[in-house]
C-alpha cells in the first residue's frame, strides 16, 4: 500500500486542530480546547503511524470516527454558540471524513484493477 497524500493532509489538519485554541484564542473554553487538542493529536498520531507504515489497516476508520465526533462536538460539549469554535471543529471534521472516504474509495478501486 503506498503512502497517500491524504495521510499528510490529515496530519496537517490534526496539527492545526491541536494548535487552533491558541491561534483562534479560545483557550478559556476548556471543553473546546481539550477537544481540539485531544482529537488533533489522535489524528496526527494515527496518520503519522500510517505514513511510517506502522499501521496499514484501520486508520481510515479512526479518521471517520474522529471526524464525525468533531462534527457533533460543538453540540455535545456546548460550545456551538461560538461561531469560530464551531466552524473550526466542524470544518476539520468534514475534511477528515471526506479524506477518509476518499482513501477507502482509492483502496477499493486499486483492488478491483
C-alpha atoms as a PDB file:
ATOM      1  CA  UNK A   1       0.000   0.000   0.000  1.00  0.00           C
ATOM      2  CA  UNK A   2       1.514   3.343  -0.970  1.00  0.00           C
ATOM      3  CA  UNK A   3       1.660   6.495   1.098  1.00  0.00           C
ATOM      4  CA  UNK A   4      -1.189   8.732   0.057  1.00  0.00           C
ATOM      5  CA  UNK A   5      -1.310  12.500   0.124  1.00  0.00           C
ATOM      6  CA  UNK A   6      -4.492  12.257   2.167  1.00  0.00           C
ATOM      7  CA  UNK A   7      -2.474  10.929   5.137  1.00  0.00           C
ATOM      8  CA  UNK A   8      -0.251  14.010   5.121  1.00  0.00           C
ATOM      9  CA  UNK A   9      -3.264  16.295   4.749  1.00  0.00           C
ATOM     10  CA  UNK A  10      -4.913  14.757   7.818  1.00  0.00           C
ATOM     11  CA  UNK A  11      -1.615  15.122   9.738  1.00  0.00           C
ATOM     12  CA  UNK A  12      -1.677  18.827   8.850  1.00  0.00           C
ATOM     13  CA  UNK A  13      -5.367  19.137   9.828  1.00  0.00           C
ATOM     14  CA  UNK A  14      -4.713  17.382  13.135  1.00  0.00           C
ATOM     15  CA  UNK A  15      -1.766  19.665  13.880  1.00  0.00           C
ATOM     16  CA  UNK A  16      -3.890  22.702  13.035  1.00  0.00           C
ATOM     17  CA  UNK A  17      -6.687  21.455  15.273  1.00  0.00           C
ATOM     18  CA  UNK A  18      -4.283  20.919  18.188  1.00  0.00           C
ATOM     19  CA  UNK A  19      -2.867  24.456  17.771  1.00  0.00           C
ATOM     20  CA  UNK A  20      -6.156  26.181  16.968  1.00  0.00           C
ATOM     21  CA  UNK A  21      -7.150  27.040  20.569  1.00  0.00           C
ATOM     22  CA  UNK A  22      -4.190  29.411  20.726  1.00  0.00           C
ATOM     23  CA  UNK A  23      -4.479  30.640  17.153  1.00  0.00           C
ATOM     24  CA  UNK A  24      -8.204  31.358  17.448  1.00  0.00           C
ATOM     25  CA  UNK A  25      -7.861  32.439  21.103  1.00  0.00           C
ATOM     26  CA  UNK A  26     -10.375  30.114  22.698  1.00  0.00           C
ATOM     27  CA  UNK A  27      -8.178  28.573  25.396  1.00  0.00           C
ATOM     28  CA  UNK A  28     -10.572  29.794  28.098  1.00  0.00           C
ATOM     29  CA  UNK A  29     -13.242  27.452  26.749  1.00  0.00           C
ATOM     30  CA  UNK A  30     -11.838  24.338  28.397  1.00  0.00           C
ATOM     31  CA  UNK A  31     -14.091  21.702  26.763  1.00  0.00           C
ATOM     32  CA  UNK A  32     -13.409  23.109  23.289  1.00  0.00           C
ATOM     33  CA  UNK A  33      -9.668  23.374  23.969  1.00  0.00           C
ATOM     34  CA  UNK A  34      -9.413  19.843  25.363  1.00  0.00           C
ATOM     35  CA  UNK A  35     -11.452  18.518  22.443  1.00  0.00           C
ATOM     36  CA  UNK A  36      -9.333  20.272  19.815  1.00  0.00           C
ATOM     37  CA  UNK A  37      -6.024  19.246  21.392  1.00  0.00           C
ATOM     38  CA  UNK A  38      -7.046  15.653  22.092  1.00  0.00           C
ATOM     39  CA  UNK A  39      -8.659  14.880  18.751  1.00  0.00           C
ATOM     40  CA  UNK A  40      -5.941  16.784  16.886  1.00  0.00           C
ATOM     41  CA  UNK A  41      -3.220  14.695  18.494  1.00  0.00           C
ATOM     42  CA  UNK A  42      -5.124  11.457  17.767  1.00  0.00           C
ATOM     43  CA  UNK A  43      -5.349  12.451  14.101  1.00  0.00           C
ATOM     44  CA  UNK A  44      -1.636  13.292  13.975  1.00  0.00           C
ATOM     45  CA  UNK A  45      -0.630  10.073  15.770  1.00  0.00           C
ATOM     46  CA  UNK A  46      -2.696   7.654  13.698  1.00  0.00           C
ATOM     47  CA  UNK A  47      -1.834   9.269  10.386  1.00  0.00           C
ATOM     48  CA  UNK A  48       1.899   9.500  11.129  1.00  0.00           C
ATOM     49  CA  UNK A  49       1.735   5.803  12.020  1.00  0.00           C
ATOM     50  CA  UNK A  50       0.110   5.189   8.647  1.00  0.00           C
ATOM     51  CA  UNK A  51       2.724   7.258   6.799  1.00  0.00           C
ATOM     52  CA  UNK A  52       5.516   5.408   8.626  1.00  0.00           C
ATOM     53  CA  UNK A  53       3.823   2.119   7.736  1.00  0.00           C
ATOM     54  CA  UNK A  54       3.475   1.129  11.383  1.00  0.00           C
ATOM     55  CA  UNK A  55      -0.230   0.656  10.781  1.00  0.00           C
ATOM     56  CA  UNK A  56      -1.625  -0.375   7.421  1.00  0.00           C
ATOM     57  CA  UNK A  57      -5.275  -1.017   8.244  1.00  0.00           C
ATOM     58  CA  UNK A  58      -7.914   0.737  10.285  1.00  0.00           C
ATOM     59  CA  UNK A  59      -6.587   4.280  10.167  1.00  0.00           C
ATOM     60  CA  UNK A  60      -9.450   5.389   7.915  1.00  0.00           C
ATOM     61  CA  UNK A  61     -11.985   4.100  10.462  1.00  0.00           C
ATOM     62  CA  UNK A  62     -10.255   6.112  13.203  1.00  0.00           C
ATOM     63  CA  UNK A  63     -10.383   9.163  10.930  1.00  0.00           C
ATOM     64  CA  UNK A  64     -14.077   8.677  10.200  1.00  0.00           C
ATOM     65  CA  UNK A  65     -14.930   8.288  13.896  1.00  0.00           C
ATOM     66  CA  UNK A  66     -12.810  11.315  14.872  1.00  0.00           C
ATOM     67  CA  UNK A  67     -14.299  13.360  12.025  1.00  0.00           C
ATOM     68  CA  UNK A  68     -17.882  12.577  12.978  1.00  0.00           C
ATOM     69  CA  UNK A  69     -17.080  13.356  16.614  1.00  0.00           C
ATOM     70  CA  UNK A  70     -15.668  16.742  15.554  1.00  0.00           C
ATOM     71  CA  UNK A  71     -18.850  17.472  13.600  1.00  0.00           C
ATOM     72  CA  UNK A  72     -21.029  16.656  16.627  1.00  0.00           C
ATOM     73  CA  UNK A  73     -18.748  18.008  19.368  1.00  0.00           C
ATOM     74  CA  UNK A  74     -19.871  21.673  19.338  1.00  0.00           C
ATOM     75  CA  UNK A  75     -23.350  20.493  20.289  1.00  0.00           C
ATOM     76  CA  UNK A  76     -22.247  17.677  22.602  1.00  0.00           C
ATOM     77  CA  UNK A  77     -19.789  19.861  24.529  1.00  0.00           C
ATOM     78  CA  UNK A  78     -21.966  23.002  24.437  1.00  0.00           C
ATOM     79  CA  UNK A  79     -19.710  25.376  22.544  1.00  0.00           C
ATOM     80  CA  UNK A  80     -21.925  25.750  19.472  1.00  0.00           C
ATOM     81  CA  UNK A  81     -22.766  29.341  20.450  1.00  0.00           C
ATOM     82  CA  UNK A  82     -19.277  30.354  19.308  1.00  0.00           C
ATOM     83  CA  UNK A  83     -19.189  30.504  15.520  1.00  0.00           C
ATOM     84  CA  UNK A  84     -15.386  30.301  15.212  1.00  0.00           C
ATOM     85  CA  UNK A  85     -15.124  27.275  17.513  1.00  0.00           C
ATOM     86  CA  UNK A  86     -17.949  25.506  15.733  1.00  0.00           C
ATOM     87  CA  UNK A  87     -16.527  26.228  12.279  1.00  0.00           C
ATOM     88  CA  UNK A  88     -13.085  25.049  13.377  1.00  0.00           C
ATOM     89  CA  UNK A  89     -14.324  21.723  14.751  1.00  0.00           C
ATOM     90  CA  UNK A  90     -16.895  21.059  12.037  1.00  0.00           C
ATOM     91  CA  UNK A  91     -14.649  22.193   9.169  1.00  0.00           C
ATOM     92  CA  UNK A  92     -11.807  19.904  10.204  1.00  0.00           C
ATOM     93  CA  UNK A  93     -14.282  17.088  10.897  1.00  0.00           C
ATOM     94  CA  UNK A  94     -15.895  17.313   7.469  1.00  0.00           C
ATOM     95  CA  UNK A  95     -12.492  17.461   5.753  1.00  0.00           C
ATOM     96  CA  UNK A  96     -11.203  14.431   7.693  1.00  0.00           C
ATOM     97  CA  UNK A  97     -14.313  12.360   6.915  1.00  0.00           C
ATOM     98  CA  UNK A  98     -14.130  13.252   3.215  1.00  0.00           C
ATOM     99  CA  UNK A  99     -10.428  12.380   3.038  1.00  0.00           C
ATOM    100  CA  UNK A 100     -11.014   9.057   4.822  1.00  0.00           C
ATOM    101  CA  UNK A 101     -13.763   8.072   2.390  1.00  0.00           C
ATOM    102  CA  UNK A 102     -11.521   9.156  -0.499  1.00  0.00           C
ATOM    103  CA  UNK A 103      -8.788   6.817   0.804  1.00  0.00           C
ATOM    104  CA  UNK A 104     -11.259   3.952   1.100  1.00  0.00           C
ATOM    105  CA  UNK A 105     -12.525   4.617  -2.430  1.00  0.00           C
ATOM    106  CA  UNK A 106      -8.939   4.627  -3.772  1.00  0.00           C
ATOM    107  CA  UNK A 107      -8.148   1.357  -1.966  1.00  0.00           C
ATOM    108  CA  UNK A 108     -11.273  -0.363  -3.336  1.00  0.00           C
ATOM    109  CA  UNK A 109     -10.529   0.895  -6.830  1.00  0.00           C
ATOM    110  CA  UNK A 110      -6.950  -0.489  -6.683  1.00  0.00           C
ATOM    111  CA  UNK A 111      -8.216  -3.899  -5.521  1.00  0.00           C
ATOM    112  CA  UNK A 112     -10.652  -4.093  -8.448  1.00  0.00           C
ATOM    113  CA  UNK A 113      -7.927  -3.493 -11.043  1.00  0.00           C
END
